[in-house]
Amino acid sequence: MDALDLLTQRRSSRAAELTEPGPEGAALERILEAGIRVPDHGKLGPWRLLVLQGADRAWAGARLAERFKVLNPDASEALITLEAERFLRAPVVVAVVHRPIPSEKIPAWEQQLSAGAVCQNLLLAAHASGFAGQWLTGWSAYDAPFLQSLGLAPEDRLAGWIYLGTPQREPSPRVRPALAEVLLTLPAAKGDSGSR
């Protein structure tokens, strides 16, 4: 696929509509390697990847359900089960972890943007490999006790859960803004009649 076609044709598939097969072995490794080929000011590598597949998805889901019960003691069994099965929606779930690196030169914001770029690269690499994906967050992405139960450090933040698999159907097209709607122009200077 032409690279520009890849960029303009990529669409997210709902996590609940992703099924087997998911990327595994060399195919998954290639997607992950492409994921971390992102702009990274100072070569800090302010991100880590946690891959959930197989039984790891249910194990993480059990931790999620336990935490959900603590936060919602009156929750129904149906809601608790929904949380327990959250990571079973796709064959592979990649947690993109933003791990900030103390730096006097590289702003924290640039490091966060680099972690976001990892999420996008994973989606593009999956699409180029014949799979589909969805980038999600949800309450679990912001719950420090849950994230620490997965082994993340206290300073870590979750940039996103990247769900990967084979789409059950073609994703629906989304309405995208027209380019003219998002292009900004410089303000005209007073008395400036020339073009820039």
N, C-alpha and C. Protein backbone atom coordinates (compact mmCIF):
# COMPACT_ATOMS: atom_id res chain seq x y z
N MET A 1 0.85 -1.18 0.00
CA MET A 1 0.00 0.00 0.00
C MET A 1 0.89 1.24 0.00
N ASP A 2 0.52 2.19 -0.83
CA ASP A 2 1.21 3.47 -0.85
C ASP A 2 1.13 4.12 0.53
N ALA A 3 2.22 4.75 0.97
CA ALA A 3 2.27 5.31 2.32
C ALA A 3 1.19 6.36 2.55
N LEU A 4 0.94 7.22 1.56
CA LEU A 4 -0.09 8.24 1.75
C LEU A 4 -1.48 7.61 1.77
N ASP A 5 -1.69 6.56 0.97
CA ASP A 5 -2.97 5.85 1.05
C ASP A 5 -3.16 5.25 2.43
N LEU A 6 -2.10 4.71 2.97
CA LEU A 6 -2.16 4.14 4.32
C LEU A 6 -2.62 5.18 5.33
N LEU A 7 -2.05 6.37 5.25
CA LEU A 7 -2.38 7.43 6.18
C LEU A 7 -3.82 7.92 6.01
N THR A 8 -4.25 8.04 4.76
CA THR A 8 -5.58 8.61 4.52
C THR A 8 -6.69 7.57 4.63
N GLN A 9 -6.36 6.29 4.56
CA GLN A 9 -7.39 5.25 4.60
C GLN A 9 -7.51 4.56 5.96
N ARG A 10 -6.57 4.80 6.87
CA ARG A 10 -6.64 4.14 8.16
C ARG A 10 -7.86 4.62 8.93
N ARG A 11 -8.59 3.66 9.48
CA ARG A 11 -9.74 3.97 10.34
C ARG A 11 -9.70 3.03 11.53
N SER A 12 -10.19 3.50 12.64
CA SER A 12 -10.27 2.65 13.82
C SER A 12 -11.43 1.69 13.70
N SER A 13 -11.21 0.47 14.18
CA SER A 13 -12.28 -0.52 14.33
C SER A 13 -12.61 -0.61 15.81
N ARG A 14 -13.88 -0.72 16.14
CA ARG A 14 -14.26 -0.82 17.54
C ARG A 14 -13.61 -2.05 18.18
N ALA A 15 -13.08 -1.88 19.37
CA ALA A 15 -12.40 -2.98 20.06
C ALA A 15 -13.28 -4.22 20.15
N ALA A 16 -14.57 -4.01 20.40
CA ALA A 16 -15.50 -5.13 20.53
C ALA A 16 -15.71 -5.88 19.21
N GLU A 17 -15.28 -5.28 18.10
CA GLU A 17 -15.44 -5.91 16.79
C GLU A 17 -14.13 -6.47 16.25
N LEU A 18 -13.12 -6.56 17.12
CA LEU A 18 -11.84 -7.15 16.73
C LEU A 18 -11.80 -8.60 17.19
N THR A 19 -11.36 -9.46 16.32
CA THR A 19 -11.37 -10.88 16.64
C THR A 19 -10.05 -11.52 16.24
N GLU A 20 -9.93 -12.82 16.48
CA GLU A 20 -8.76 -13.58 16.04
C GLU A 20 -8.76 -13.65 14.53
N PRO A 21 -7.61 -13.75 13.89
CA PRO A 21 -6.31 -13.74 14.55
C PRO A 21 -5.85 -12.32 14.86
N GLY A 22 -5.07 -12.22 15.90
CA GLY A 22 -4.39 -10.97 16.21
C GLY A 22 -2.94 -11.11 15.81
N PRO A 23 -2.22 -10.03 15.77
CA PRO A 23 -0.80 -10.13 15.44
C PRO A 23 -0.06 -10.91 16.52
N GLU A 24 0.84 -11.76 16.11
CA GLU A 24 1.65 -12.52 17.08
C GLU A 24 3.01 -12.79 16.48
N GLY A 25 3.91 -13.25 17.29
CA GLY A 25 5.24 -13.61 16.82
C GLY A 25 5.93 -12.45 16.11
N ALA A 26 6.52 -12.77 14.95
CA ALA A 26 7.29 -11.77 14.20
C ALA A 26 6.41 -10.61 13.74
N ALA A 27 5.15 -10.89 13.41
CA ALA A 27 4.26 -9.82 12.95
C ALA A 27 4.01 -8.82 14.06
N LEU A 28 3.79 -9.30 15.28
CA LEU A 28 3.57 -8.40 16.41
C LEU A 28 4.84 -7.64 16.73
N GLU A 29 5.96 -8.34 16.70
CA GLU A 29 7.23 -7.67 16.99
C GLU A 29 7.50 -6.54 16.01
N ARG A 30 7.18 -6.77 14.75
CA ARG A 30 7.39 -5.73 13.74
C ARG A 30 6.49 -4.51 14.00
N ILE A 31 5.25 -4.76 14.40
CA ILE A 31 4.33 -3.67 14.73
C ILE A 31 4.86 -2.88 15.93
N LEU A 32 5.35 -3.59 16.94
CA LEU A 32 5.88 -2.92 18.13
C LEU A 32 7.13 -2.11 17.81
N GLU A 33 7.99 -2.68 16.96
CA GLU A 33 9.20 -1.95 16.56
C GLU A 33 8.85 -0.69 15.79
N ALA A 34 7.85 -0.79 14.91
CA ALA A 34 7.41 0.40 14.18
C ALA A 34 6.79 1.41 15.14
N GLY A 35 6.13 0.91 16.17
CA GLY A 35 5.49 1.79 17.14
C GLY A 35 6.45 2.74 17.83
N ILE A 36 7.65 2.27 18.10
CA ILE A 36 8.59 3.12 18.85
C ILE A 36 9.52 3.92 17.95
N ARG A 37 9.28 3.88 16.64
CA ARG A 37 10.06 4.71 15.71
C ARG A 37 9.38 6.07 15.59
N VAL A 38 9.48 6.84 16.65
CA VAL A 38 8.77 8.12 16.72
C VAL A 38 9.75 9.25 17.00
N PRO A 39 9.36 10.49 16.74
CA PRO A 39 10.19 11.62 17.17
C PRO A 39 10.40 11.54 18.69
N ASP A 40 11.63 11.74 19.11
CA ASP A 40 11.97 11.57 20.52
C ASP A 40 13.12 12.52 20.84
N HIS A 41 12.76 13.77 21.14
CA HIS A 41 13.75 14.81 21.41
C HIS A 41 14.69 14.36 22.54
N GLY A 42 15.97 14.37 22.27
CA GLY A 42 16.96 13.98 23.26
C GLY A 42 17.18 12.49 23.37
N LYS A 43 16.48 11.71 22.54
CA LYS A 43 16.60 10.24 22.56
C LYS A 43 16.39 9.68 23.97
N LEU A 44 15.35 10.18 24.63
CA LEU A 44 15.07 9.78 26.00
C LEU A 44 14.30 8.46 26.09
N GLY A 45 13.52 8.16 25.05
CA GLY A 45 12.68 6.97 25.12
C GLY A 45 11.71 7.02 26.29
N PRO A 46 10.87 8.07 26.37
CA PRO A 46 10.00 8.24 27.53
C PRO A 46 8.71 7.43 27.46
N TRP A 47 8.81 6.20 27.04
CA TRP A 47 7.65 5.33 26.89
C TRP A 47 8.09 3.88 27.04
N ARG A 48 7.12 3.06 27.44
CA ARG A 48 7.31 1.62 27.55
C ARG A 48 6.04 0.96 27.00
N LEU A 49 6.15 -0.30 26.61
CA LEU A 49 5.02 -1.04 26.08
C LEU A 49 4.76 -2.27 26.96
N LEU A 50 3.52 -2.46 27.33
CA LEU A 50 3.09 -3.65 28.07
C LEU A 50 2.10 -4.38 27.18
N VAL A 51 2.45 -5.57 26.73
CA VAL A 51 1.62 -6.33 25.79
C VAL A 51 0.79 -7.36 26.55
N LEU A 52 -0.53 -7.27 26.37
CA LEU A 52 -1.45 -8.25 26.96
C LEU A 52 -1.98 -9.13 25.86
N GLN A 53 -1.73 -10.43 25.97
CA GLN A 53 -2.30 -11.40 25.03
C GLN A 53 -2.50 -12.70 25.78
N GLY A 54 -3.31 -13.58 25.23
CA GLY A 54 -3.57 -14.84 25.91
C GLY A 54 -4.16 -14.61 27.29
N ALA A 55 -3.69 -15.41 28.26
CA ALA A 55 -4.22 -15.36 29.62
C ALA A 55 -3.90 -14.06 30.34
N ASP A 56 -2.89 -13.32 29.87
CA ASP A 56 -2.56 -12.04 30.50
C ASP A 56 -3.74 -11.06 30.45
N ARG A 57 -4.56 -11.17 29.41
CA ARG A 57 -5.70 -10.26 29.28
C ARG A 57 -6.71 -10.49 30.41
N ALA A 58 -6.99 -11.77 30.70
CA ALA A 58 -7.93 -12.09 31.78
C ALA A 58 -7.34 -11.73 33.14
N TRP A 59 -6.03 -11.94 33.31
CA TRP A 59 -5.39 -11.60 34.57
C TRP A 59 -5.51 -10.10 34.83
N ALA A 60 -5.20 -9.28 33.81
CA ALA A 60 -5.32 -7.83 33.96
C ALA A 60 -6.78 -7.43 34.18
N GLY A 61 -7.69 -8.12 33.51
CA GLY A 61 -9.12 -7.84 33.69
C GLY A 61 -9.58 -8.14 35.11
N ALA A 62 -9.04 -9.18 35.72
CA ALA A 62 -9.40 -9.50 37.11
C ALA A 62 -8.93 -8.39 38.04
N ARG A 63 -7.73 -7.85 37.81
CA ARG A 63 -7.24 -6.73 38.62
C ARG A 63 -8.16 -5.51 38.42
N LEU A 64 -8.58 -5.30 37.18
CA LEU A 64 -9.45 -4.16 36.87
C LEU A 64 -10.79 -4.30 37.58
N ALA A 65 -11.36 -5.50 37.55
CA ALA A 65 -12.65 -5.73 38.22
C ALA A 65 -12.53 -5.53 39.73
N GLU A 66 -11.41 -5.98 40.31
CA GLU A 66 -11.20 -5.79 41.75
C GLU A 66 -11.17 -4.30 42.10
N ARG A 67 -10.46 -3.55 41.29
CA ARG A 67 -10.37 -2.10 41.55
C ARG A 67 -11.72 -1.42 41.33
N PHE A 68 -12.45 -1.86 40.32
CA PHE A 68 -13.77 -1.30 40.04
C PHE A 68 -14.70 -1.52 41.22
N LYS A 69 -14.64 -2.69 41.84
CA LYS A 69 -15.49 -2.99 43.00
C LYS A 69 -15.14 -2.08 44.18
N VAL A 70 -13.86 -1.77 44.36
CA VAL A 70 -13.46 -0.86 45.43
C VAL A 70 -14.05 0.53 45.19
N LEU A 71 -13.98 0.98 43.93
CA LEU A 71 -14.48 2.32 43.59
C LEU A 71 -16.00 2.38 43.52
N ASN A 72 -16.63 1.23 43.26
CA ASN A 72 -18.08 1.18 43.07
C ASN A 72 -18.66 0.01 43.87
N PRO A 73 -18.71 0.13 45.19
CA PRO A 73 -19.13 -1.01 46.02
C PRO A 73 -20.54 -1.50 45.76
N ASP A 74 -21.39 -0.66 45.16
CA ASP A 74 -22.76 -1.06 44.87
C ASP A 74 -22.96 -1.51 43.42
N ALA A 75 -21.87 -1.71 42.70
CA ALA A 75 -21.97 -2.08 41.28
C ALA A 75 -22.61 -3.46 41.12
N SER A 76 -23.36 -3.59 40.06
CA SER A 76 -23.99 -4.87 39.75
C SER A 76 -22.94 -5.87 39.25
N GLU A 77 -23.29 -7.14 39.34
CA GLU A 77 -22.40 -8.19 38.84
C GLU A 77 -22.16 -8.02 37.34
N ALA A 78 -23.17 -7.54 36.63
CA ALA A 78 -23.03 -7.34 35.18
C ALA A 78 -21.95 -6.29 34.89
N LEU A 79 -21.92 -5.20 35.67
CA LEU A 79 -20.90 -4.17 35.46
C LEU A 79 -19.52 -4.67 35.85
N ILE A 80 -19.45 -5.44 36.91
CA ILE A 80 -18.17 -6.00 37.34
C ILE A 80 -17.63 -6.96 36.28
N THR A 81 -18.51 -7.78 35.73
CA THR A 81 -18.11 -8.70 34.66
C THR A 81 -17.65 -7.94 33.43
N LEU A 82 -18.32 -6.84 33.11
CA LEU A 82 -17.92 -6.02 31.97
C LEU A 82 -16.48 -5.54 32.14
N GLU A 83 -16.12 -5.10 33.33
CA GLU A 83 -14.76 -4.66 33.57
C GLU A 83 -13.78 -5.84 33.51
N ALA A 84 -14.16 -6.97 34.07
CA ALA A 84 -13.28 -8.15 34.07
C ALA A 84 -12.98 -8.61 32.65
N GLU A 85 -13.91 -8.38 31.72
CA GLU A 85 -13.74 -8.85 30.34
C GLU A 85 -13.26 -7.76 29.39
N ARG A 86 -12.94 -6.59 29.94
CA ARG A 86 -12.60 -5.44 29.10
C ARG A 86 -11.43 -5.73 28.16
N PHE A 87 -10.41 -6.42 28.63
CA PHE A 87 -9.23 -6.67 27.79
C PHE A 87 -9.37 -7.92 26.93
N LEU A 88 -10.51 -8.59 27.02
CA LEU A 88 -10.76 -9.75 26.18
C LEU A 88 -11.43 -9.38 24.88
N ARG A 89 -11.69 -8.09 24.69
CA ARG A 89 -12.40 -7.65 23.49
C ARG A 89 -11.58 -7.81 22.23
N ALA A 90 -10.27 -7.88 22.35
CA ALA A 90 -9.39 -8.03 21.18
C ALA A 90 -8.30 -9.03 21.52
N PRO A 91 -7.72 -9.68 20.52
CA PRO A 91 -6.69 -10.69 20.79
C PRO A 91 -5.43 -10.12 21.44
N VAL A 92 -5.11 -8.86 21.14
CA VAL A 92 -3.90 -8.23 21.68
C VAL A 92 -4.27 -6.83 22.16
N VAL A 93 -3.78 -6.48 23.34
CA VAL A 93 -3.95 -5.13 23.86
C VAL A 93 -2.57 -4.65 24.29
N VAL A 94 -2.16 -3.51 23.75
CA VAL A 94 -0.87 -2.94 24.09
C VAL A 94 -1.09 -1.69 24.93
N ALA A 95 -0.55 -1.71 26.14
CA ALA A 95 -0.58 -0.52 26.98
C ALA A 95 0.63 0.33 26.62
N VAL A 96 0.37 1.54 26.14
CA VAL A 96 1.48 2.47 25.86
C VAL A 96 1.64 3.34 27.09
N VAL A 97 2.77 3.16 27.74
CA VAL A 97 3.04 3.81 29.01
C VAL A 97 3.96 5.00 28.79
N HIS A 98 3.53 6.16 29.25
CA HIS A 98 4.41 7.33 29.22
C HIS A 98 5.21 7.33 30.51
N ARG A 99 6.52 7.15 30.38
CA ARG A 99 7.41 7.15 31.54
C ARG A 99 8.30 8.38 31.44
N PRO A 100 7.92 9.47 32.13
CA PRO A 100 8.67 10.72 32.00
C PRO A 100 10.11 10.58 32.49
N ILE A 101 11.01 11.22 31.77
CA ILE A 101 12.43 11.22 32.10
C ILE A 101 12.80 12.62 32.57
N PRO A 102 13.31 12.76 33.80
CA PRO A 102 13.71 14.10 34.27
C PRO A 102 14.75 14.69 33.32
N SER A 103 14.48 15.90 32.87
CA SER A 103 15.39 16.55 31.93
C SER A 103 15.25 18.05 32.05
N GLU A 104 16.38 18.74 32.12
CA GLU A 104 16.36 20.20 32.14
C GLU A 104 16.15 20.75 30.73
N LYS A 105 16.45 19.94 29.73
CA LYS A 105 16.41 20.41 28.35
C LYS A 105 15.11 20.03 27.63
N ILE A 106 14.57 18.85 27.91
CA ILE A 106 13.42 18.36 27.16
C ILE A 106 12.15 18.56 27.98
N PRO A 107 11.23 19.44 27.55
CA PRO A 107 10.00 19.67 28.31
C PRO A 107 9.15 18.40 28.44
N ALA A 108 8.45 18.31 29.54
CA ALA A 108 7.57 17.17 29.79
C ALA A 108 6.53 17.02 28.68
N TRP A 109 6.04 18.16 28.18
CA TRP A 109 5.02 18.14 27.12
C TRP A 109 5.54 17.42 25.87
N GLU A 110 6.79 17.65 25.50
CA GLU A 110 7.35 16.99 24.32
C GLU A 110 7.46 15.49 24.54
N GLN A 111 7.75 15.08 25.75
CA GLN A 111 7.82 13.66 26.06
C GLN A 111 6.43 13.02 25.96
N GLN A 112 5.41 13.74 26.42
CA GLN A 112 4.04 13.23 26.32
C GLN A 112 3.63 13.07 24.86
N LEU A 113 3.98 14.07 24.05
CA LEU A 113 3.64 13.99 22.63
C LEU A 113 4.31 12.79 21.97
N SER A 114 5.54 12.49 22.38
CA SER A 114 6.25 11.34 21.84
C SER A 114 5.51 10.05 22.17
N ALA A 115 4.98 9.94 23.39
CA ALA A 115 4.21 8.75 23.78
C ALA A 115 2.94 8.65 22.95
N GLY A 116 2.29 9.79 22.68
CA GLY A 116 1.10 9.78 21.82
C GLY A 116 1.44 9.32 20.42
N ALA A 117 2.62 9.71 19.94
CA ALA A 117 3.05 9.29 18.60
C ALA A 117 3.25 7.78 18.55
N VAL A 118 3.67 7.16 19.65
CA VAL A 118 3.79 5.70 19.70
C VAL A 118 2.42 5.06 19.46
N CYS A 119 1.40 5.61 20.11
CA CYS A 119 0.04 5.07 19.91
C CYS A 119 -0.37 5.12 18.45
N GLN A 120 -0.16 6.25 17.81
CA GLN A 120 -0.54 6.40 16.41
C GLN A 120 0.28 5.47 15.52
N ASN A 121 1.58 5.36 15.79
CA ASN A 121 2.41 4.47 14.97
C ASN A 121 1.95 3.02 15.08
N LEU A 122 1.54 2.61 16.27
CA LEU A 122 1.06 1.24 16.44
C LEU A 122 -0.18 1.00 15.58
N LEU A 123 -1.09 1.97 15.56
CA LEU A 123 -2.29 1.82 14.74
C LEU A 123 -1.95 1.75 13.25
N LEU A 124 -1.03 2.62 12.82
CA LEU A 124 -0.63 2.61 11.41
C LEU A 124 0.07 1.31 11.04
N ALA A 125 0.97 0.85 11.91
CA ALA A 125 1.69 -0.39 11.63
C ALA A 125 0.75 -1.59 11.59
N ALA A 126 -0.24 -1.60 12.47
CA ALA A 126 -1.22 -2.69 12.46
C ALA A 126 -2.00 -2.66 11.15
N HIS A 127 -2.43 -1.49 10.74
CA HIS A 127 -3.18 -1.34 9.49
C HIS A 127 -2.34 -1.81 8.30
N ALA A 128 -1.08 -1.40 8.28
CA ALA A 128 -0.19 -1.80 7.18
C ALA A 128 0.06 -3.30 7.17
N SER A 129 -0.12 -3.95 8.33
CA SER A 129 0.12 -5.39 8.44
C SER A 129 -1.14 -6.21 8.23
N GLY A 130 -2.25 -5.55 7.88
CA GLY A 130 -3.48 -6.28 7.61
C GLY A 130 -4.38 -6.47 8.81
N PHE A 131 -4.05 -5.81 9.92
CA PHE A 131 -4.88 -5.88 11.12
C PHE A 131 -5.60 -4.54 11.30
N ALA A 132 -6.33 -4.43 12.38
CA ALA A 132 -7.00 -3.18 12.70
C ALA A 132 -6.82 -2.91 14.18
N GLY A 133 -7.15 -1.71 14.59
CA GLY A 133 -6.98 -1.39 16.00
C GLY A 133 -7.84 -0.22 16.44
N GLN A 134 -7.83 -0.02 17.74
CA GLN A 134 -8.52 1.13 18.33
C GLN A 134 -7.71 1.61 19.53
N TRP A 135 -7.57 2.92 19.64
CA TRP A 135 -6.84 3.57 20.74
C TRP A 135 -7.89 4.03 21.74
N LEU A 136 -7.85 3.47 22.95
CA LEU A 136 -8.81 3.82 23.98
C LEU A 136 -8.09 4.22 25.26
N THR A 137 -8.81 4.91 26.12
CA THR A 137 -8.29 5.20 27.44
C THR A 137 -9.31 4.68 28.46
N GLY A 138 -10.31 5.48 28.82
CA GLY A 138 -11.28 5.05 29.83
C GLY A 138 -10.74 5.28 31.23
N TRP A 139 -11.56 5.01 32.21
CA TRP A 139 -11.20 5.31 33.60
C TRP A 139 -9.93 4.60 34.03
N SER A 140 -9.71 3.40 33.51
CA SER A 140 -8.55 2.62 33.95
C SER A 140 -7.22 3.28 33.58
N ALA A 141 -7.23 4.09 32.54
CA ALA A 141 -6.00 4.76 32.11
C ALA A 141 -5.55 5.83 33.10
N TYR A 142 -6.46 6.24 33.99
CA TYR A 142 -6.17 7.33 34.92
C TYR A 142 -6.18 6.88 36.38
N ASP A 143 -6.31 5.58 36.60
CA ASP A 143 -6.39 5.07 37.96
C ASP A 143 -5.05 4.50 38.39
N ALA A 144 -4.32 5.28 39.20
CA ALA A 144 -2.96 4.90 39.58
C ALA A 144 -2.88 3.56 40.31
N PRO A 145 -3.77 3.26 41.28
CA PRO A 145 -3.67 1.96 41.94
C PRO A 145 -3.83 0.78 40.97
N PHE A 146 -4.73 0.90 40.01
CA PHE A 146 -4.88 -0.18 39.04
C PHE A 146 -3.62 -0.32 38.19
N LEU A 147 -3.12 0.81 37.69
CA LEU A 147 -1.92 0.75 36.85
C LEU A 147 -0.73 0.18 37.61
N GLN A 148 -0.62 0.53 38.88
CA GLN A 148 0.47 -0.02 39.68
C GLN A 148 0.30 -1.51 39.94
N SER A 149 -0.95 -2.00 39.95
CA SER A 149 -1.18 -3.44 40.10
C SER A 149 -0.68 -4.22 38.89
N LEU A 150 -0.49 -3.51 37.76
CA LEU A 150 0.06 -4.13 36.56
C LEU A 150 1.59 -4.01 36.51
N GLY A 151 2.16 -3.40 37.52
CA GLY A 151 3.61 -3.26 37.57
C GLY A 151 4.14 -1.92 37.12
N LEU A 152 3.26 -0.97 36.81
CA LEU A 152 3.72 0.36 36.39
C LEU A 152 4.23 1.13 37.60
N ALA A 153 5.17 2.02 37.35
CA ALA A 153 5.75 2.84 38.41
C ALA A 153 4.78 3.98 38.76
N PRO A 154 4.91 4.53 39.98
CA PRO A 154 4.01 5.62 40.39
C PRO A 154 4.02 6.82 39.45
N GLU A 155 5.16 7.09 38.83
CA GLU A 155 5.24 8.26 37.93
C GLU A 155 4.74 7.97 36.52
N ASP A 156 4.48 6.70 36.20
CA ASP A 156 4.02 6.34 34.87
C ASP A 156 2.60 6.84 34.61
N ARG A 157 2.33 7.16 33.36
CA ARG A 157 0.98 7.52 32.91
C ARG A 157 0.65 6.66 31.71
N LEU A 158 -0.63 6.36 31.53
CA LEU A 158 -1.03 5.54 30.39
C LEU A 158 -1.46 6.44 29.24
N ALA A 159 -0.72 6.38 28.15
CA ALA A 159 -1.09 7.17 26.96
C ALA A 159 -2.28 6.53 26.26
N GLY A 160 -2.41 5.22 26.35
CA GLY A 160 -3.55 4.57 25.72
C GLY A 160 -3.45 3.07 25.74
N TRP A 161 -4.62 2.45 25.66
CA TRP A 161 -4.73 1.01 25.40
C TRP A 161 -4.93 0.86 23.90
N ILE A 162 -4.05 0.14 23.23
CA ILE A 162 -4.18 -0.08 21.80
C ILE A 162 -4.67 -1.51 21.58
N TYR A 163 -5.92 -1.63 21.19
CA TYR A 163 -6.54 -2.93 20.94
C TYR A 163 -6.25 -3.33 19.49
N LEU A 164 -5.75 -4.55 19.28
CA LEU A 164 -5.36 -5.01 17.95
C LEU A 164 -5.99 -6.36 17.64
N GLY A 165 -6.41 -6.53 16.39
CA GLY A 165 -6.95 -7.81 15.94
C GLY A 165 -7.41 -7.71 14.50
N THR A 166 -8.24 -8.67 14.12
CA THR A 166 -8.81 -8.70 12.78
C THR A 166 -10.23 -8.15 12.85
N PRO A 167 -10.56 -7.17 12.01
CA PRO A 167 -11.91 -6.60 12.09
C PRO A 167 -12.96 -7.58 11.58
N GLN A 168 -14.07 -7.65 12.27
CA GLN A 168 -15.18 -8.50 11.82
C GLN A 168 -15.87 -7.92 10.60
N ARG A 169 -15.72 -6.60 10.41
CA ARG A 169 -16.30 -5.93 9.26
C ARG A 169 -15.51 -4.66 9.00
N GLU A 170 -15.69 -4.10 7.84
CA GLU A 170 -15.02 -2.84 7.51
C GLU A 170 -15.50 -1.75 8.46
N PRO A 171 -14.58 -0.98 9.02
CA PRO A 171 -15.02 0.10 9.91
C PRO A 171 -15.83 1.14 9.16
N SER A 172 -16.78 1.72 9.86
CA SER A 172 -17.61 2.74 9.25
C SER A 172 -16.78 3.99 8.96
N PRO A 173 -17.04 4.63 7.83
CA PRO A 173 -16.32 5.88 7.56
C PRO A 173 -16.74 6.95 8.55
N ARG A 174 -15.81 7.78 8.92
CA ARG A 174 -16.10 8.90 9.81
C ARG A 174 -16.09 10.19 9.04
N VAL A 175 -16.92 11.10 9.48
CA VAL A 175 -16.89 12.43 8.89
C VAL A 175 -15.65 13.13 9.41
N ARG A 176 -14.81 13.57 8.52
CA ARG A 176 -13.58 14.27 8.89
C ARG A 176 -13.74 15.74 8.53
N PRO A 177 -13.09 16.62 9.24
CA PRO A 177 -13.20 18.04 8.89
C PRO A 177 -12.54 18.31 7.55
N ALA A 178 -13.11 19.23 6.82
CA ALA A 178 -12.48 19.66 5.57
C ALA A 178 -11.19 20.38 5.92
N LEU A 179 -10.19 20.22 5.07
CA LEU A 179 -8.89 20.83 5.33
C LEU A 179 -9.03 22.33 5.57
N ALA A 180 -9.88 22.98 4.80
CA ALA A 180 -10.06 24.43 4.94
C ALA A 180 -10.56 24.82 6.33
N GLU A 181 -11.25 23.89 7.02
CA GLU A 181 -11.79 24.19 8.35
C GLU A 181 -10.72 24.17 9.43
N VAL A 182 -9.60 23.52 9.19
CA VAL A 182 -8.59 23.39 10.24
C VAL A 182 -7.31 24.17 9.95
N LEU A 183 -7.22 24.77 8.75
CA LEU A 183 -6.05 25.57 8.42
C LEU A 183 -6.15 26.95 9.05
N LEU A 184 -5.12 27.34 9.76
CA LEU A 184 -5.06 28.66 10.36
C LEU A 184 -4.26 29.58 9.45
N THR A 185 -4.52 30.86 9.56
CA THR A 185 -3.75 31.84 8.81
C THR A 185 -3.17 32.85 9.78
N LEU A 186 -2.06 33.43 9.39
CA LEU A 186 -1.46 34.47 10.21
C LEU A 186 -2.32 35.72 10.17
N PRO A 187 -2.40 36.44 11.28
CA PRO A 187 -3.19 37.67 11.26
C PRO A 187 -2.50 38.71 10.38
N ALA A 188 -3.32 39.49 9.70
CA ALA A 188 -2.76 40.55 8.86
C ALA A 188 -2.22 41.67 9.75
N ALA A 189 -1.02 42.12 9.45
CA ALA A 189 -0.46 43.25 10.18
C ALA A 189 -1.12 44.53 9.71
N LYS A 190 -1.22 45.50 10.60
CA LYS A 190 -1.84 46.78 10.24
C LYS A 190 -1.05 47.43 9.10
N GLY A 191 -1.75 47.80 8.07
CA GLY A 191 -1.12 48.47 6.95
C GLY A 191 -0.34 47.53 6.05
N ASP A 192 -0.43 46.24 6.30
CA ASP A 192 0.32 45.27 5.48
C ASP A 192 -0.53 44.89 4.27
N SER A 193 -0.11 45.34 3.12
CA SER A 193 -0.87 45.01 1.91
C SER A 193 -0.18 43.96 1.07
N GLY A 194 1.05 43.62 1.42
CA GLY A 194 1.81 42.65 0.61
C GLY A 194 1.54 41.23 1.08
N SER A 195 1.98 40.30 0.29
CA SER A 195 1.82 38.90 0.66
C SER A 195 3.08 38.44 1.39
N ARG A 196 2.91 37.47 2.18
CA ARG A 196 4.05 36.93 2.93
C ARG A 196 4.76 35.88 2.10
